[in-house]
Amino acid sequence: MKRTKTVFAFLLFAAAAGVSGAQSGTYEIGDTGPAGGIVFYDKGYVSDGWRYLEAAPASTEFMAEWGAFEEYLPAGTEESVGSGRRNTRLVVDWLNRTGEIGRAAQECAAMSVNGFSDWFLPSIGELDLMYENLKRKSLGSFGGNWYWSSSQNSMYYAWVQSFVSGGWDDGDRDVAVSVRAVRAF
């Protein structure tokens, strides 16, 4: 009986602390995440409702334009790790107001993979981690040379990252480039 109470107490503590995922409650870079993608970042603690970033499965990769060419999103976007979800909301809201459809951020936000529908277009900081922690280690089956971020650079460009060299560049927002959605958990 005492063992049952101890296990139950641990489960209550884990639920209250926001621990989820693998049986140990933690994930390593390269592990399969809850949605079937690959974990590529662990910030080491839960804050703002998440600890890990998971890249969507390779089968979900697609090509799309960023959109809003010659438009500067009034609220702006950020480049930092942890800003991709907010960036995606800003971009999707802007694109919806301007009547554009089928753009990278919109498609990421509309994705549902293995019952998870909380996907977003990564910020350039998040995309860089995906490159460093997955692509450079031959994980994730990335098929594209360039990938969109949710971080705008100007009214004509958004940041793209080369998955060949690792460098960042200005991407013409009216050109179709590879997209790999991510989610935070």
N, C-alpha and C. Protein backbone atom coordinates (compact mmCIF):
# COMPACT_ATOMS: atom_id res chain seq x y z
N MET A 1 0.82 -1.20 0.00
CA MET A 1 0.00 0.00 0.00
C MET A 1 0.86 1.26 0.00
N LYS A 2 1.95 1.27 0.78
CA LYS A 2 2.82 2.44 0.84
C LYS A 2 3.40 2.75 -0.54
N ARG A 3 3.81 1.74 -1.32
CA ARG A 3 4.38 1.96 -2.65
C ARG A 3 3.36 2.64 -3.56
N THR A 4 2.11 2.21 -3.48
CA THR A 4 1.05 2.80 -4.29
C THR A 4 0.89 4.28 -3.95
N LYS A 5 0.90 4.63 -2.66
CA LYS A 5 0.78 6.03 -2.27
C LYS A 5 1.97 6.85 -2.77
N THR A 6 3.16 6.26 -2.72
CA THR A 6 4.36 6.97 -3.18
C THR A 6 4.29 7.24 -4.67
N VAL A 7 3.90 6.23 -5.45
CA VAL A 7 3.77 6.40 -6.90
C VAL A 7 2.71 7.43 -7.21
N PHE A 8 1.57 7.35 -6.52
CA PHE A 8 0.49 8.30 -6.74
C PHE A 8 0.95 9.73 -6.40
N ALA A 9 1.68 9.90 -5.30
CA ALA A 9 2.19 11.21 -4.91
C ALA A 9 3.15 11.74 -5.96
N PHE A 10 4.02 10.88 -6.51
CA PHE A 10 4.95 11.31 -7.56
C PHE A 10 4.18 11.76 -8.80
N LEU A 11 3.15 11.01 -9.19
CA LEU A 11 2.37 11.38 -10.37
C LEU A 11 1.67 12.72 -10.16
N LEU A 12 1.14 12.95 -8.97
CA LEU A 12 0.51 14.24 -8.68
C LEU A 12 1.55 15.36 -8.76
N PHE A 13 2.73 15.14 -8.17
CA PHE A 13 3.81 16.14 -8.23
C PHE A 13 4.21 16.40 -9.67
N ALA A 14 4.38 15.34 -10.47
CA ALA A 14 4.80 15.50 -11.86
C ALA A 14 3.76 16.28 -12.65
N ALA A 15 2.48 15.98 -12.43
CA ALA A 15 1.43 16.70 -13.14
C ALA A 15 1.43 18.17 -12.74
N ALA A 16 1.59 18.46 -11.45
CA ALA A 16 1.60 19.84 -10.98
C ALA A 16 2.82 20.60 -11.52
N ALA A 17 3.92 19.91 -11.68
CA ALA A 17 5.15 20.56 -12.16
C ALA A 17 5.19 20.68 -13.67
N GLY A 18 4.20 20.12 -14.36
CA GLY A 18 4.17 20.21 -15.81
C GLY A 18 5.06 19.19 -16.49
N VAL A 19 5.47 18.14 -15.79
CA VAL A 19 6.33 17.11 -16.37
C VAL A 19 5.49 16.25 -17.29
N SER A 20 5.96 16.04 -18.50
CA SER A 20 5.25 15.18 -19.45
C SER A 20 6.26 14.53 -20.35
N GLY A 21 5.78 13.66 -21.21
CA GLY A 21 6.66 13.08 -22.22
C GLY A 21 7.08 11.68 -21.92
N ALA A 22 8.35 11.38 -22.16
CA ALA A 22 8.89 10.05 -22.02
C ALA A 22 8.68 9.54 -20.60
N GLN A 23 8.83 8.25 -20.41
CA GLN A 23 8.59 7.66 -19.10
C GLN A 23 9.41 8.31 -18.01
N SER A 24 10.62 8.73 -18.33
CA SER A 24 11.46 9.39 -17.34
C SER A 24 11.03 10.83 -17.08
N GLY A 25 10.11 11.36 -17.90
CA GLY A 25 9.67 12.74 -17.76
C GLY A 25 10.56 13.72 -18.49
N THR A 26 11.61 13.24 -19.13
CA THR A 26 12.51 14.12 -19.86
C THR A 26 12.78 13.56 -21.25
N TYR A 27 13.22 14.44 -22.12
CA TYR A 27 13.59 14.07 -23.48
C TYR A 27 15.02 14.50 -23.74
N GLU A 28 15.66 13.82 -24.65
CA GLU A 28 16.99 14.18 -25.12
C GLU A 28 16.86 14.70 -26.54
N ILE A 29 17.82 15.53 -26.96
CA ILE A 29 17.87 15.98 -28.35
C ILE A 29 17.95 14.73 -29.24
N GLY A 30 17.10 14.67 -30.25
CA GLY A 30 17.06 13.53 -31.15
C GLY A 30 15.99 12.50 -30.81
N ASP A 31 15.39 12.60 -29.60
CA ASP A 31 14.30 11.69 -29.23
C ASP A 31 13.06 11.99 -30.06
N THR A 32 12.22 10.99 -30.22
CA THR A 32 10.92 11.20 -30.83
C THR A 32 10.03 11.91 -29.82
N GLY A 33 9.44 13.02 -30.24
CA GLY A 33 8.58 13.81 -29.36
C GLY A 33 7.17 13.25 -29.31
N PRO A 34 6.32 13.85 -28.49
CA PRO A 34 4.95 13.36 -28.33
C PRO A 34 4.14 13.36 -29.61
N ALA A 35 4.44 14.25 -30.55
CA ALA A 35 3.69 14.33 -31.80
C ALA A 35 4.32 13.50 -32.92
N GLY A 36 5.39 12.77 -32.60
CA GLY A 36 6.03 11.93 -33.61
C GLY A 36 7.15 12.61 -34.38
N GLY A 37 7.47 13.85 -34.01
CA GLY A 37 8.58 14.56 -34.63
C GLY A 37 9.86 14.29 -33.85
N ILE A 38 10.84 15.20 -33.98
CA ILE A 38 12.12 15.01 -33.31
C ILE A 38 12.41 16.21 -32.41
N VAL A 39 12.73 15.92 -31.15
CA VAL A 39 13.09 16.96 -30.20
C VAL A 39 14.44 17.56 -30.61
N PHE A 40 14.48 18.90 -30.73
CA PHE A 40 15.74 19.54 -31.12
C PHE A 40 16.22 20.60 -30.14
N TYR A 41 15.45 20.84 -29.07
CA TYR A 41 15.89 21.83 -28.09
C TYR A 41 15.29 21.51 -26.74
N ASP A 42 16.11 21.67 -25.70
CA ASP A 42 15.70 21.53 -24.31
C ASP A 42 16.25 22.73 -23.57
N LYS A 43 15.36 23.61 -23.09
CA LYS A 43 15.86 24.77 -22.37
C LYS A 43 16.18 24.45 -20.92
N GLY A 44 15.89 23.21 -20.49
CA GLY A 44 16.30 22.75 -19.17
C GLY A 44 15.29 22.93 -18.06
N TYR A 45 14.21 23.65 -18.31
CA TYR A 45 13.18 23.91 -17.31
C TYR A 45 11.91 24.33 -18.03
N VAL A 46 10.79 24.21 -17.33
CA VAL A 46 9.51 24.63 -17.90
C VAL A 46 9.27 26.09 -17.55
N SER A 47 9.02 26.89 -18.57
CA SER A 47 8.58 28.27 -18.39
C SER A 47 7.72 28.63 -19.58
N ASP A 48 6.79 29.52 -19.38
CA ASP A 48 5.84 29.91 -20.42
C ASP A 48 5.11 28.70 -20.99
N GLY A 49 4.98 27.65 -20.19
CA GLY A 49 4.22 26.46 -20.58
C GLY A 49 4.97 25.46 -21.43
N TRP A 50 6.29 25.63 -21.59
CA TRP A 50 7.04 24.67 -22.40
C TRP A 50 8.49 24.55 -21.94
N ARG A 51 9.09 23.42 -22.32
CA ARG A 51 10.51 23.16 -22.06
C ARG A 51 11.24 22.75 -23.34
N TYR A 52 10.55 22.01 -24.21
CA TYR A 52 11.17 21.42 -25.40
C TYR A 52 10.59 21.99 -26.68
N LEU A 53 11.38 21.91 -27.75
CA LEU A 53 10.91 22.18 -29.10
C LEU A 53 11.04 20.91 -29.92
N GLU A 54 10.00 20.61 -30.68
CA GLU A 54 9.94 19.41 -31.51
C GLU A 54 9.71 19.82 -32.96
N ALA A 55 10.56 19.32 -33.86
CA ALA A 55 10.38 19.53 -35.30
C ALA A 55 9.34 18.53 -35.79
N ALA A 56 8.46 18.96 -36.66
CA ALA A 56 7.43 18.08 -37.22
C ALA A 56 8.09 16.93 -37.99
N PRO A 57 7.39 15.81 -38.13
CA PRO A 57 7.94 14.70 -38.91
C PRO A 57 8.28 15.13 -40.34
N ALA A 58 9.28 14.48 -40.91
CA ALA A 58 9.75 14.81 -42.26
C ALA A 58 8.63 14.74 -43.29
N SER A 59 7.68 13.85 -43.10
CA SER A 59 6.59 13.68 -44.06
C SER A 59 5.69 14.91 -44.16
N THR A 60 5.79 15.84 -43.21
CA THR A 60 4.95 17.04 -43.22
C THR A 60 5.63 18.23 -43.90
N GLU A 61 6.89 18.09 -44.27
CA GLU A 61 7.62 19.19 -44.89
C GLU A 61 6.94 19.62 -46.19
N PHE A 62 6.91 20.91 -46.46
CA PHE A 62 6.27 21.43 -47.67
C PHE A 62 6.99 22.69 -48.12
N MET A 63 6.59 23.21 -49.26
CA MET A 63 7.13 24.46 -49.78
C MET A 63 6.00 25.48 -49.86
N ALA A 64 6.33 26.73 -49.52
CA ALA A 64 5.33 27.80 -49.57
C ALA A 64 6.03 29.15 -49.60
N GLU A 65 5.28 30.15 -50.00
CA GLU A 65 5.75 31.53 -49.90
C GLU A 65 5.54 32.02 -48.48
N TRP A 66 6.33 33.00 -48.07
CA TRP A 66 6.15 33.62 -46.75
C TRP A 66 4.95 34.55 -46.78
N GLY A 67 4.82 35.29 -47.89
CA GLY A 67 3.68 36.19 -48.07
C GLY A 67 3.94 37.59 -47.58
N ALA A 68 2.92 38.44 -47.72
CA ALA A 68 2.95 39.84 -47.29
C ALA A 68 4.13 40.58 -47.90
N PHE A 69 4.42 40.30 -49.18
CA PHE A 69 5.52 40.97 -49.87
C PHE A 69 5.22 42.46 -49.96
N GLU A 70 6.21 43.27 -49.69
CA GLU A 70 6.13 44.74 -49.66
C GLU A 70 5.24 45.25 -48.53
N GLU A 71 5.05 44.45 -47.50
CA GLU A 71 4.26 44.85 -46.34
C GLU A 71 5.14 44.63 -45.10
N TYR A 72 5.17 45.58 -44.20
CA TYR A 72 5.90 45.40 -42.96
C TYR A 72 4.88 45.18 -41.87
N LEU A 73 4.91 44.01 -41.24
CA LEU A 73 3.96 43.72 -40.19
C LEU A 73 4.09 44.77 -39.10
N PRO A 74 3.02 45.47 -38.79
CA PRO A 74 3.12 46.59 -37.85
C PRO A 74 3.60 46.18 -36.46
N ALA A 75 3.24 44.99 -36.00
CA ALA A 75 3.65 44.56 -34.66
C ALA A 75 5.08 44.05 -34.65
N GLY A 76 5.62 43.72 -35.81
CA GLY A 76 6.98 43.20 -35.88
C GLY A 76 7.10 41.77 -35.38
N THR A 77 8.19 41.13 -35.73
CA THR A 77 8.48 39.78 -35.28
C THR A 77 9.84 39.79 -34.60
N GLU A 78 10.15 38.70 -33.93
CA GLU A 78 11.41 38.58 -33.21
C GLU A 78 12.23 37.43 -33.78
N GLU A 79 13.50 37.40 -33.44
CA GLU A 79 14.41 36.36 -33.92
C GLU A 79 14.75 35.33 -32.85
N SER A 80 14.45 35.59 -31.60
CA SER A 80 14.92 34.78 -30.48
C SER A 80 14.21 33.43 -30.36
N VAL A 81 14.89 32.52 -29.67
CA VAL A 81 14.30 31.22 -29.34
C VAL A 81 13.13 31.49 -28.40
N GLY A 82 12.00 30.89 -28.70
CA GLY A 82 10.79 31.10 -27.91
C GLY A 82 9.83 32.10 -28.52
N SER A 83 10.20 32.73 -29.63
CA SER A 83 9.33 33.74 -30.23
C SER A 83 8.55 33.24 -31.45
N GLY A 84 8.81 32.03 -31.91
CA GLY A 84 8.18 31.52 -33.12
C GLY A 84 6.66 31.42 -33.04
N ARG A 85 6.16 30.99 -31.91
CA ARG A 85 4.69 30.86 -31.76
C ARG A 85 4.03 32.22 -31.88
N ARG A 86 4.57 33.23 -31.18
CA ARG A 86 4.03 34.59 -31.24
C ARG A 86 4.18 35.15 -32.65
N ASN A 87 5.35 34.98 -33.24
CA ASN A 87 5.57 35.45 -34.61
C ASN A 87 4.52 34.88 -35.55
N THR A 88 4.28 33.58 -35.43
CA THR A 88 3.33 32.90 -36.32
C THR A 88 1.94 33.50 -36.17
N ARG A 89 1.51 33.74 -34.93
CA ARG A 89 0.19 34.36 -34.71
C ARG A 89 0.12 35.73 -35.39
N LEU A 90 1.18 36.53 -35.23
CA LEU A 90 1.19 37.86 -35.84
C LEU A 90 1.12 37.76 -37.37
N VAL A 91 1.92 36.87 -37.94
CA VAL A 91 1.95 36.74 -39.40
C VAL A 91 0.62 36.21 -39.92
N VAL A 92 0.07 35.19 -39.28
CA VAL A 92 -1.21 34.62 -39.71
C VAL A 92 -2.31 35.67 -39.63
N ASP A 93 -2.38 36.41 -38.53
CA ASP A 93 -3.40 37.46 -38.41
C ASP A 93 -3.27 38.49 -39.53
N TRP A 94 -2.03 38.90 -39.80
CA TRP A 94 -1.79 39.88 -40.86
C TRP A 94 -2.21 39.33 -42.22
N LEU A 95 -1.78 38.09 -42.53
CA LEU A 95 -2.12 37.49 -43.82
C LEU A 95 -3.63 37.32 -43.98
N ASN A 96 -4.30 36.92 -42.91
CA ASN A 96 -5.75 36.76 -42.97
C ASN A 96 -6.44 38.10 -43.24
N ARG A 97 -5.95 39.17 -42.62
CA ARG A 97 -6.53 40.51 -42.85
C ARG A 97 -6.31 40.97 -44.28
N THR A 98 -5.19 40.59 -44.88
CA THR A 98 -4.89 41.04 -46.25
C THR A 98 -5.45 40.09 -47.30
N GLY A 99 -6.05 38.97 -46.87
CA GLY A 99 -6.68 38.05 -47.81
C GLY A 99 -5.75 37.01 -48.43
N GLU A 100 -4.51 36.94 -47.98
CA GLU A 100 -3.59 35.93 -48.52
C GLU A 100 -3.90 34.58 -47.89
N ILE A 101 -3.70 33.52 -48.68
CA ILE A 101 -3.96 32.16 -48.19
C ILE A 101 -2.80 31.25 -48.61
N GLY A 102 -2.66 30.14 -47.88
CA GLY A 102 -1.68 29.11 -48.24
C GLY A 102 -0.23 29.49 -48.01
N ARG A 103 0.02 30.48 -47.16
CA ARG A 103 1.39 30.90 -46.89
C ARG A 103 1.99 30.04 -45.77
N ALA A 104 3.31 30.11 -45.64
CA ALA A 104 4.05 29.23 -44.72
C ALA A 104 3.48 29.24 -43.30
N ALA A 105 3.33 30.40 -42.70
CA ALA A 105 2.84 30.48 -41.33
C ALA A 105 1.42 29.95 -41.21
N GLN A 106 0.57 30.27 -42.19
CA GLN A 106 -0.82 29.80 -42.16
C GLN A 106 -0.88 28.28 -42.22
N GLU A 107 -0.07 27.69 -43.08
CA GLU A 107 -0.07 26.23 -43.22
C GLU A 107 0.45 25.54 -41.96
N CYS A 108 1.48 26.13 -41.34
CA CYS A 108 1.98 25.56 -40.08
C CYS A 108 0.91 25.62 -39.00
N ALA A 109 0.26 26.77 -38.86
CA ALA A 109 -0.76 26.95 -37.83
C ALA A 109 -1.97 26.04 -38.05
N ALA A 110 -2.22 25.64 -39.29
CA ALA A 110 -3.37 24.79 -39.60
C ALA A 110 -3.05 23.29 -39.51
N MET A 111 -1.79 22.95 -39.33
CA MET A 111 -1.40 21.54 -39.31
C MET A 111 -1.98 20.79 -38.11
N SER A 112 -2.29 19.53 -38.35
CA SER A 112 -2.64 18.59 -37.28
C SER A 112 -1.87 17.31 -37.57
N VAL A 113 -0.99 16.95 -36.65
CA VAL A 113 -0.15 15.78 -36.82
C VAL A 113 -0.28 14.90 -35.57
N ASN A 114 -0.74 13.68 -35.77
CA ASN A 114 -0.88 12.72 -34.67
C ASN A 114 -1.68 13.29 -33.50
N GLY A 115 -2.71 14.07 -33.82
CA GLY A 115 -3.59 14.63 -32.80
C GLY A 115 -3.10 15.95 -32.21
N PHE A 116 -1.98 16.46 -32.65
CA PHE A 116 -1.44 17.72 -32.15
C PHE A 116 -1.65 18.82 -33.19
N SER A 117 -2.22 19.94 -32.75
CA SER A 117 -2.51 21.04 -33.68
C SER A 117 -1.93 22.36 -33.19
N ASP A 118 -0.81 22.29 -32.47
CA ASP A 118 -0.19 23.49 -31.91
C ASP A 118 1.13 23.83 -32.62
N TRP A 119 1.18 23.62 -33.92
CA TRP A 119 2.39 23.84 -34.71
C TRP A 119 2.54 25.30 -35.10
N PHE A 120 3.78 25.71 -35.32
CA PHE A 120 4.05 27.08 -35.75
C PHE A 120 5.31 27.10 -36.61
N LEU A 121 5.50 28.23 -37.30
CA LEU A 121 6.69 28.46 -38.11
C LEU A 121 7.79 28.95 -37.17
N PRO A 122 8.94 28.29 -37.14
CA PRO A 122 9.97 28.66 -36.16
C PRO A 122 10.57 30.03 -36.41
N SER A 123 10.98 30.69 -35.34
CA SER A 123 11.77 31.93 -35.47
C SER A 123 13.13 31.54 -36.06
N ILE A 124 13.90 32.52 -36.49
CA ILE A 124 15.22 32.20 -37.04
C ILE A 124 16.12 31.59 -35.96
N GLY A 125 15.98 32.01 -34.72
CA GLY A 125 16.75 31.40 -33.63
C GLY A 125 16.40 29.94 -33.43
N GLU A 126 15.11 29.62 -33.51
CA GLU A 126 14.65 28.23 -33.39
C GLU A 126 15.09 27.41 -34.59
N LEU A 127 15.00 28.00 -35.77
CA LEU A 127 15.41 27.31 -36.99
C LEU A 127 16.91 27.00 -36.94
N ASP A 128 17.70 27.92 -36.41
CA ASP A 128 19.13 27.70 -36.28
C ASP A 128 19.42 26.52 -35.35
N LEU A 129 18.67 26.40 -34.26
CA LEU A 129 18.83 25.25 -33.37
C LEU A 129 18.45 23.95 -34.07
N MET A 130 17.42 24.00 -34.90
CA MET A 130 17.03 22.82 -35.66
C MET A 130 18.16 22.38 -36.59
N TYR A 131 18.77 23.36 -37.24
CA TYR A 131 19.90 23.06 -38.12
C TYR A 131 21.06 22.46 -37.32
N GLU A 132 21.45 23.13 -36.24
CA GLU A 132 22.61 22.69 -35.45
C GLU A 132 22.39 21.33 -34.79
N ASN A 133 21.19 21.13 -34.20
CA ASN A 133 20.96 19.93 -33.39
C ASN A 133 20.38 18.74 -34.15
N LEU A 134 19.86 18.98 -35.34
CA LEU A 134 19.31 17.87 -36.13
C LEU A 134 20.05 17.71 -37.46
N LYS A 135 19.95 18.70 -38.32
CA LYS A 135 20.52 18.57 -39.67
C LYS A 135 22.01 18.24 -39.65
N ARG A 136 22.78 18.96 -38.82
CA ARG A 136 24.23 18.72 -38.77
C ARG A 136 24.58 17.34 -38.22
N LYS A 137 23.61 16.70 -37.55
CA LYS A 137 23.82 15.35 -37.02
C LYS A 137 23.09 14.31 -37.86
N SER A 138 22.68 14.73 -39.07
CA SER A 138 21.97 13.86 -40.02
C SER A 138 20.69 13.28 -39.42
N LEU A 139 19.98 14.07 -38.64
CA LEU A 139 18.69 13.68 -38.08
C LEU A 139 17.59 14.53 -38.72
N GLY A 140 16.43 13.98 -38.91
CA GLY A 140 15.27 14.75 -39.36
C GLY A 140 14.94 14.67 -40.82
N SER A 141 15.79 14.05 -41.63
CA SER A 141 15.51 13.86 -43.07
C SER A 141 15.06 15.15 -43.75
N PHE A 142 15.84 16.20 -43.61
CA PHE A 142 15.51 17.48 -44.24
C PHE A 142 15.78 17.39 -45.73
N GLY A 143 14.77 17.77 -46.53
CA GLY A 143 14.88 17.65 -47.98
C GLY A 143 15.20 18.94 -48.70
N GLY A 144 15.05 20.07 -48.02
CA GLY A 144 15.27 21.35 -48.68
C GLY A 144 16.64 21.92 -48.44
N ASN A 145 17.00 22.90 -49.27
CA ASN A 145 18.25 23.62 -49.09
C ASN A 145 18.06 24.85 -48.22
N TRP A 146 16.92 25.53 -48.35
CA TRP A 146 16.59 26.74 -47.60
C TRP A 146 15.27 26.55 -46.88
N TYR A 147 15.15 27.10 -45.66
CA TYR A 147 13.93 26.99 -44.87
C TYR A 147 13.50 28.35 -44.36
N TRP A 148 12.18 28.59 -44.41
CA TRP A 148 11.62 29.83 -43.89
C TRP A 148 11.64 29.85 -42.37
N SER A 149 11.85 31.05 -41.83
CA SER A 149 11.61 31.32 -40.42
C SER A 149 10.38 32.23 -40.35
N SER A 150 9.90 32.47 -39.15
CA SER A 150 8.78 33.40 -38.96
C SER A 150 9.28 34.81 -38.66
N SER A 151 10.58 35.02 -38.77
CA SER A 151 11.19 36.31 -38.44
C SER A 151 11.35 37.16 -39.70
N GLN A 152 10.61 38.27 -39.77
CA GLN A 152 10.74 39.15 -40.94
C GLN A 152 12.03 39.95 -40.82
N ASN A 153 12.55 40.35 -41.96
CA ASN A 153 13.77 41.12 -41.99
C ASN A 153 13.51 42.54 -42.50
N SER A 154 12.57 42.67 -43.39
CA SER A 154 12.17 43.97 -43.94
C SER A 154 10.82 43.78 -44.63
N MET A 155 10.34 44.82 -45.30
CA MET A 155 9.05 44.68 -45.99
C MET A 155 9.15 43.79 -47.23
N TYR A 156 10.36 43.42 -47.63
CA TYR A 156 10.54 42.55 -48.79
C TYR A 156 11.07 41.16 -48.41
N TYR A 157 11.69 41.06 -47.25
CA TYR A 157 12.40 39.84 -46.90
C TYR A 157 12.02 39.30 -45.52
N ALA A 158 12.18 37.99 -45.39
CA ALA A 158 12.14 37.33 -44.09
C ALA A 158 13.39 36.47 -44.03
N TRP A 159 13.82 36.14 -42.82
CA TRP A 159 15.02 35.33 -42.68
C TRP A 159 14.77 33.90 -43.14
N VAL A 160 15.71 33.41 -43.94
CA VAL A 160 15.76 32.00 -44.32
C VAL A 160 17.09 31.46 -43.85
N GLN A 161 17.14 30.15 -43.66
CA GLN A 161 18.40 29.51 -43.27
C GLN A 161 18.75 28.42 -44.25
N SER A 162 20.01 28.40 -44.63
CA SER A 162 20.53 27.34 -45.48
C SER A 162 20.73 26.09 -44.63
N PHE A 163 20.18 24.98 -45.08
CA PHE A 163 20.43 23.71 -44.41
C PHE A 163 21.55 22.96 -45.13
N VAL A 164 22.30 23.70 -45.96
CA VAL A 164 23.53 23.19 -46.57
C VAL A 164 24.72 23.77 -45.81
N SER A 165 24.76 25.11 -45.68
CA SER A 165 25.90 25.77 -45.03
C SER A 165 25.61 26.22 -43.60
N GLY A 166 24.34 26.36 -43.26
CA GLY A 166 23.97 26.87 -41.93
C GLY A 166 23.80 28.37 -41.87
N GLY A 167 24.13 29.08 -42.96
CA GLY A 167 24.04 30.54 -42.96
C GLY A 167 22.62 31.05 -43.08
N TRP A 168 22.41 32.28 -42.60
CA TRP A 168 21.13 32.97 -42.72
C TRP A 168 21.22 33.90 -43.92
N ASP A 169 20.06 34.19 -44.51
CA ASP A 169 20.03 35.12 -45.63
C ASP A 169 18.65 35.76 -45.70
N ASP A 170 18.56 36.83 -46.52
CA ASP A 170 17.28 37.46 -46.81
C ASP A 170 16.55 36.59 -47.81
N GLY A 171 15.33 36.20 -47.49
CA GLY A 171 14.52 35.44 -48.43
C GLY A 171 13.43 36.32 -49.01
N ASP A 172 13.32 36.36 -50.33
CA ASP A 172 12.23 37.08 -50.97
C ASP A 172 10.91 36.45 -50.51
N ARG A 173 10.07 37.24 -49.90
CA ARG A 173 8.85 36.70 -49.29
C ARG A 173 7.83 36.21 -50.30
N ASP A 174 8.07 36.46 -51.59
CA ASP A 174 7.15 35.97 -52.62
C ASP A 174 7.72 34.77 -53.37
N VAL A 175 8.70 34.08 -52.77
CA VAL A 175 9.31 32.89 -53.37
C VAL A 175 9.01 31.69 -52.48
N ALA A 176 8.65 30.56 -53.08
CA ALA A 176 8.38 29.35 -52.31
C ALA A 176 9.69 28.73 -51.83
N VAL A 177 9.75 28.45 -50.53
CA VAL A 177 10.91 27.87 -49.87
C VAL A 177 10.40 26.75 -48.97
N SER A 178 11.28 25.84 -48.59
CA SER A 178 10.90 24.71 -47.72
C SER A 178 10.46 25.21 -46.35
N VAL A 179 9.57 24.44 -45.74
CA VAL A 179 9.03 24.76 -44.43
C VAL A 179 8.98 23.49 -43.58
N ARG A 180 9.45 23.62 -42.33
CA ARG A 180 9.29 22.54 -41.36
C ARG A 180 8.73 23.18 -40.10
N ALA A 181 7.52 22.81 -39.76
CA ALA A 181 6.84 23.35 -38.58
C ALA A 181 7.46 22.80 -37.32
N VAL A 182 7.24 23.50 -36.22
CA VAL A 182 7.70 23.07 -34.90
C VAL A 182 6.57 23.26 -33.89
N ARG A 183 6.75 22.65 -32.74
CA ARG A 183 5.83 22.87 -31.63
C ARG A 183 6.62 22.90 -30.34
N ALA A 184 6.10 23.60 -29.36
CA ALA A 184 6.70 23.69 -28.03
C ALA A 184 5.86 22.87 -27.07
N PHE A 185 6.52 22.14 -26.18
CA PHE A 185 5.80 21.38 -25.16
C PHE A 185 6.61 21.29 -23.89
